[in-house]
Amino acid sequence: MNTSKEEMISLQLEKRGINNHRVLRAMQEVDRVHYIPDDMKHKAYDDSPLPIGKGQTISQPYIVGYMAQHLQLQPEETVLEIGTGCGYNAAVLSQLAKEVYSIEIVDWLHEYAVENLNNTGIKNVHTRNADGYTGWPEKAPFDAIVLTAAPPEVPETLKEQLKIGGRLLAPVGRKSQELVIITREGKNTFREKTLLLVNFVPMTGDAQK
């Protein structure tokens, strides 16, 4: 039996501690079914990542909600996303922040995300087909930065694009990964906290050099 969107919200999110009402509303508003291939649509609300082609995946709903909750975005804030993927995470973030800047290194995936975001009427996500390692310096500093692919370590270039008080959330590591949140407390001071073990695709491009 296929999972409904209501079951996804109540069983996968609320029962596991996703209790921020803005995050829950965002995940209600942004329908995962519009961000996956036709042959996967019957699994749209399943409690798992799903393949979207050529080895790429859309994240498990719980992880999307968990990351959004820990970013603690406010309506007036600006966020940078590294790894647009199919556009789903960016679409959720678009309901929580004023502007979302999202970078995708894979050409076809960037095109797929733009198509999905356009088809769902999302206007405040700005995308770029590029290597996210260097961020988006002309739009910096950001209130929050989120990575949806795992670098071996967090690029200093991205940490420098955070505002004071800004949060950076990233899966970090090669084989085993930890989801870490880094808060910029001063010009040269950062506080880091590990949240949980995760399994994301590796960040490609300059991150691997």
Protein backbone atom coordinates (compact mmCIF):
# COMPACT_ATOMS: atom_id res chain seq x y z
CA MET A 1 0.00 0.00 0.00
CA ASN A 2 1.36 3.41 -1.00
CA THR A 3 2.13 6.00 1.66
CA SER A 4 0.01 9.18 1.59
CA LYS A 5 1.37 12.69 2.08
CA GLU A 6 -0.55 12.93 5.37
CA GLU A 7 1.16 9.74 6.61
CA MET A 8 4.52 11.12 5.53
CA ILE A 9 3.95 14.27 7.60
CA SER A 10 2.53 12.56 10.69
CA LEU A 11 4.53 9.30 10.86
CA GLN A 12 7.85 10.18 9.25
CA LEU A 13 8.18 13.75 10.51
CA GLU A 14 6.04 14.62 13.54
CA LYS A 15 6.51 11.27 15.30
CA ARG A 16 10.29 11.58 14.88
CA GLY A 17 10.57 15.02 16.40
CA ILE A 18 10.09 17.38 13.46
CA ASN A 19 7.87 19.84 15.33
CA ASN A 20 8.67 23.24 13.82
CA HIS A 21 5.31 24.33 12.43
CA ARG A 22 6.89 26.32 9.58
CA VAL A 23 8.93 23.30 8.47
CA LEU A 24 5.88 21.01 8.62
CA ARG A 25 3.83 23.51 6.63
CA ALA A 26 6.60 23.84 4.03
CA MET A 27 6.73 20.08 3.56
CA GLN A 28 2.96 20.01 3.26
CA GLU A 29 3.02 22.79 0.64
CA VAL A 30 5.90 21.41 -1.45
CA ASP A 31 4.73 18.16 -2.99
CA ARG A 32 7.54 15.62 -3.40
CA VAL A 33 5.64 13.98 -6.25
CA HIS A 34 6.55 16.90 -8.56
CA TYR A 35 10.29 16.41 -8.09
CA ILE A 36 10.73 12.77 -9.09
CA PRO A 37 10.53 10.84 -12.38
CA ASP A 38 7.20 9.43 -13.54
CA ASP A 39 8.18 5.83 -12.79
CA MET A 40 8.82 6.76 -9.14
CA LYS A 41 5.71 8.86 -8.46
CA HIS A 42 3.87 6.00 -6.77
CA LYS A 43 6.64 6.03 -4.15
CA ALA A 44 6.64 9.81 -3.68
CA TYR A 45 5.95 9.77 0.07
CA ASP A 46 7.95 6.66 0.97
CA ASP A 47 10.27 6.84 3.97
CA SER A 48 13.46 6.58 1.90
CA PRO A 49 15.63 8.28 -0.68
CA LEU A 50 14.53 7.57 -4.26
CA PRO A 51 16.58 7.26 -7.47
CA ILE A 52 16.05 10.09 -9.95
CA GLY A 53 18.46 8.84 -12.64
CA LYS A 54 22.19 8.36 -13.36
CA GLY A 55 23.05 7.48 -9.78
CA GLN A 56 21.42 10.59 -8.30
CA THR A 57 18.77 10.49 -5.56
CA ILE A 58 16.16 12.65 -3.86
CA SER A 59 16.67 12.68 -0.09
CA GLN A 60 14.45 10.88 2.41
CA PRO A 61 11.66 13.26 3.60
CA TYR A 62 12.76 12.93 7.22
CA ILE A 63 16.29 14.13 6.39
CA VAL A 64 14.92 17.10 4.43
CA GLY A 65 12.72 18.04 7.40
CA TYR A 66 15.48 17.39 9.94
CA MET A 67 17.96 19.62 8.10
CA ALA A 68 15.40 22.36 7.57
CA GLN A 69 14.50 22.34 11.26
CA HIS A 70 18.14 22.62 12.35
CA LEU A 71 18.80 25.54 10.00
CA GLN A 72 16.22 27.58 12.00
CA LEU A 73 15.48 29.81 9.01
CA GLN A 74 13.56 33.04 9.45
CA PRO A 75 11.31 34.59 6.76
CA GLU A 76 13.70 37.49 6.08
CA GLU A 77 16.83 35.33 5.70
CA THR A 78 18.88 34.29 2.67
CA VAL A 79 20.23 30.76 2.27
CA LEU A 80 22.82 29.16 -0.02
CA GLU A 81 22.34 25.52 -1.02
CA ILE A 82 25.20 23.48 -2.45
CA GLY A 83 23.72 20.66 -4.52
CA THR A 84 20.35 21.56 -6.05
CA GLY A 85 19.66 17.98 -7.08
CA CYS A 86 16.09 17.69 -8.35
CA GLY A 87 15.10 20.97 -6.65
CA TYR A 88 13.00 19.49 -3.84
CA ASN A 89 15.13 20.64 -0.91
CA ALA A 90 15.48 24.11 -2.44
CA ALA A 91 11.71 24.27 -2.84
CA VAL A 92 11.20 23.42 0.85
CA LEU A 93 13.77 26.05 1.84
CA SER A 94 11.99 28.58 -0.39
CA GLN A 95 8.98 28.42 1.93
CA LEU A 96 11.16 29.20 4.96
CA ALA A 97 13.55 31.91 3.73
CA LYS A 98 13.29 35.09 1.67
CA GLU A 99 15.74 33.98 -1.06
CA VAL A 100 17.45 30.69 -1.88
CA TYR A 101 20.61 30.55 -4.00
CA SER A 102 21.32 27.01 -5.16
CA ILE A 103 24.30 25.60 -7.08
CA GLU A 104 24.37 22.29 -8.98
CA ILE A 105 27.53 20.96 -10.65
CA VAL A 106 25.80 18.30 -12.82
CA ASP A 107 24.45 19.85 -16.05
CA TRP A 108 21.41 17.63 -16.63
CA LEU A 109 20.45 17.73 -12.96
CA HIS A 110 20.56 21.52 -12.94
CA GLU A 111 18.23 21.57 -15.96
CA TYR A 112 15.91 19.06 -14.28
CA ALA A 113 15.76 21.15 -11.10
CA VAL A 114 15.03 24.36 -13.02
CA GLU A 115 12.22 22.60 -14.88
CA ASN A 116 10.74 21.24 -11.63
CA LEU A 117 10.96 24.59 -9.84
CA ASN A 118 9.39 26.42 -12.79
CA ASN A 119 6.60 23.85 -13.08
CA THR A 120 5.73 24.28 -9.40
CA GLY A 121 5.76 28.09 -9.54
CA ILE A 122 8.69 28.65 -7.16
CA LYS A 123 10.00 32.17 -7.76
CA ASN A 124 12.55 32.80 -4.99
CA VAL A 125 15.06 30.04 -5.82
CA HIS A 126 17.97 31.23 -7.97
CA THR A 127 20.12 28.51 -9.51
CA ARG A 128 23.56 28.25 -11.02
CA ASN A 129 25.21 25.38 -12.90
CA ALA A 130 28.67 25.41 -11.34
CA ASP A 131 31.01 23.85 -8.77
CA GLY A 132 29.61 24.74 -5.36
CA TYR A 133 33.00 24.55 -3.64
CA THR A 134 33.56 28.29 -4.08
CA GLY A 135 29.99 29.20 -3.14
CA TRP A 136 28.28 32.28 -4.56
CA PRO A 137 30.53 35.11 -3.32
CA GLU A 138 28.71 38.00 -5.02
CA LYS A 139 25.54 37.15 -3.06
CA ALA A 140 27.34 36.56 0.25
CA PRO A 141 27.15 36.79 3.18
CA PHE A 142 24.36 34.30 3.84
CA ASP A 143 22.30 33.68 6.96
CA ALA A 144 22.55 29.94 6.31
CA ILE A 145 24.37 27.51 4.03
CA VAL A 146 23.36 23.90 3.50
CA LEU A 147 25.21 21.15 1.62
CA THR A 148 23.32 18.20 0.18
CA ALA A 149 26.46 16.32 -0.84
CA ALA A 150 29.34 15.34 1.42
CA PRO A 151 32.78 16.96 1.16
CA PRO A 152 35.73 15.33 2.96
CA GLU A 153 35.81 18.50 5.07
CA VAL A 154 33.83 21.75 5.02
CA PRO A 155 35.37 24.20 2.52
CA GLU A 156 36.75 27.33 4.16
CA THR A 157 35.41 29.29 1.18
CA LEU A 158 31.86 28.46 2.30
CA LYS A 159 32.44 29.19 5.98
CA GLU A 160 33.72 32.63 5.00
CA GLN A 161 30.42 33.35 3.21
CA LEU A 162 28.42 33.05 6.43
CA LYS A 163 27.17 36.12 8.28
CA ILE A 164 28.14 36.44 11.93
CA GLY A 165 25.54 34.27 13.65
CA GLY A 166 25.00 32.31 10.44
CA ARG A 167 24.63 28.51 10.35
CA LEU A 168 26.22 26.03 7.97
CA LEU A 169 24.82 22.49 7.83
CA ALA A 170 26.72 19.77 5.99
CA PRO A 171 27.31 16.02 5.81
CA VAL A 172 31.08 15.60 6.17
CA GLY A 173 33.34 12.61 5.53
CA ARG A 174 34.38 10.13 2.90
CA LYS A 175 33.07 6.66 3.74
CA SER A 176 31.31 7.36 7.04
CA GLN A 177 29.71 10.80 7.30
CA GLU A 178 28.49 13.01 10.10
CA LEU A 179 25.94 15.76 9.74
CA VAL A 180 27.51 18.80 11.38
CA ILE A 181 26.22 22.29 12.07
CA ILE A 182 28.71 25.14 12.22
CA THR A 183 27.78 28.53 13.68
CA ARG A 184 29.89 31.59 12.91
CA GLU A 185 30.34 33.35 16.21
CA GLY A 186 32.87 35.96 15.11
CA LYS A 187 35.10 36.97 12.21
CA ASN A 188 37.45 34.05 12.81
CA THR A 189 35.55 31.94 15.33
CA PHE A 190 33.24 29.03 14.53
CA ARG A 191 31.41 26.58 16.78
CA GLU A 192 30.80 23.07 15.44
CA LYS A 193 28.37 20.41 16.64
CA THR A 194 27.78 16.90 15.30
CA LEU A 195 24.11 15.99 14.91
CA LEU A 196 23.91 12.44 13.52
CA LEU A 197 25.42 9.85 11.19
CA VAL A 198 24.23 10.16 7.59
CA ASN A 199 24.80 8.76 4.11
CA PHE A 200 24.95 11.32 1.29
CA VAL A 201 26.49 11.21 -2.18
CA PRO A 202 30.05 12.62 -2.19
CA MET A 203 30.56 16.23 -3.19
CA THR A 204 32.37 16.27 -6.54
CA GLY A 205 34.58 18.84 -8.25
CA ASP A 206 37.17 20.80 -6.28
CA ALA A 207 36.00 19.25 -2.99
CA GLN A 208 37.82 16.03 -3.95
CA LYS A 209 41.16 17.70 -4.72
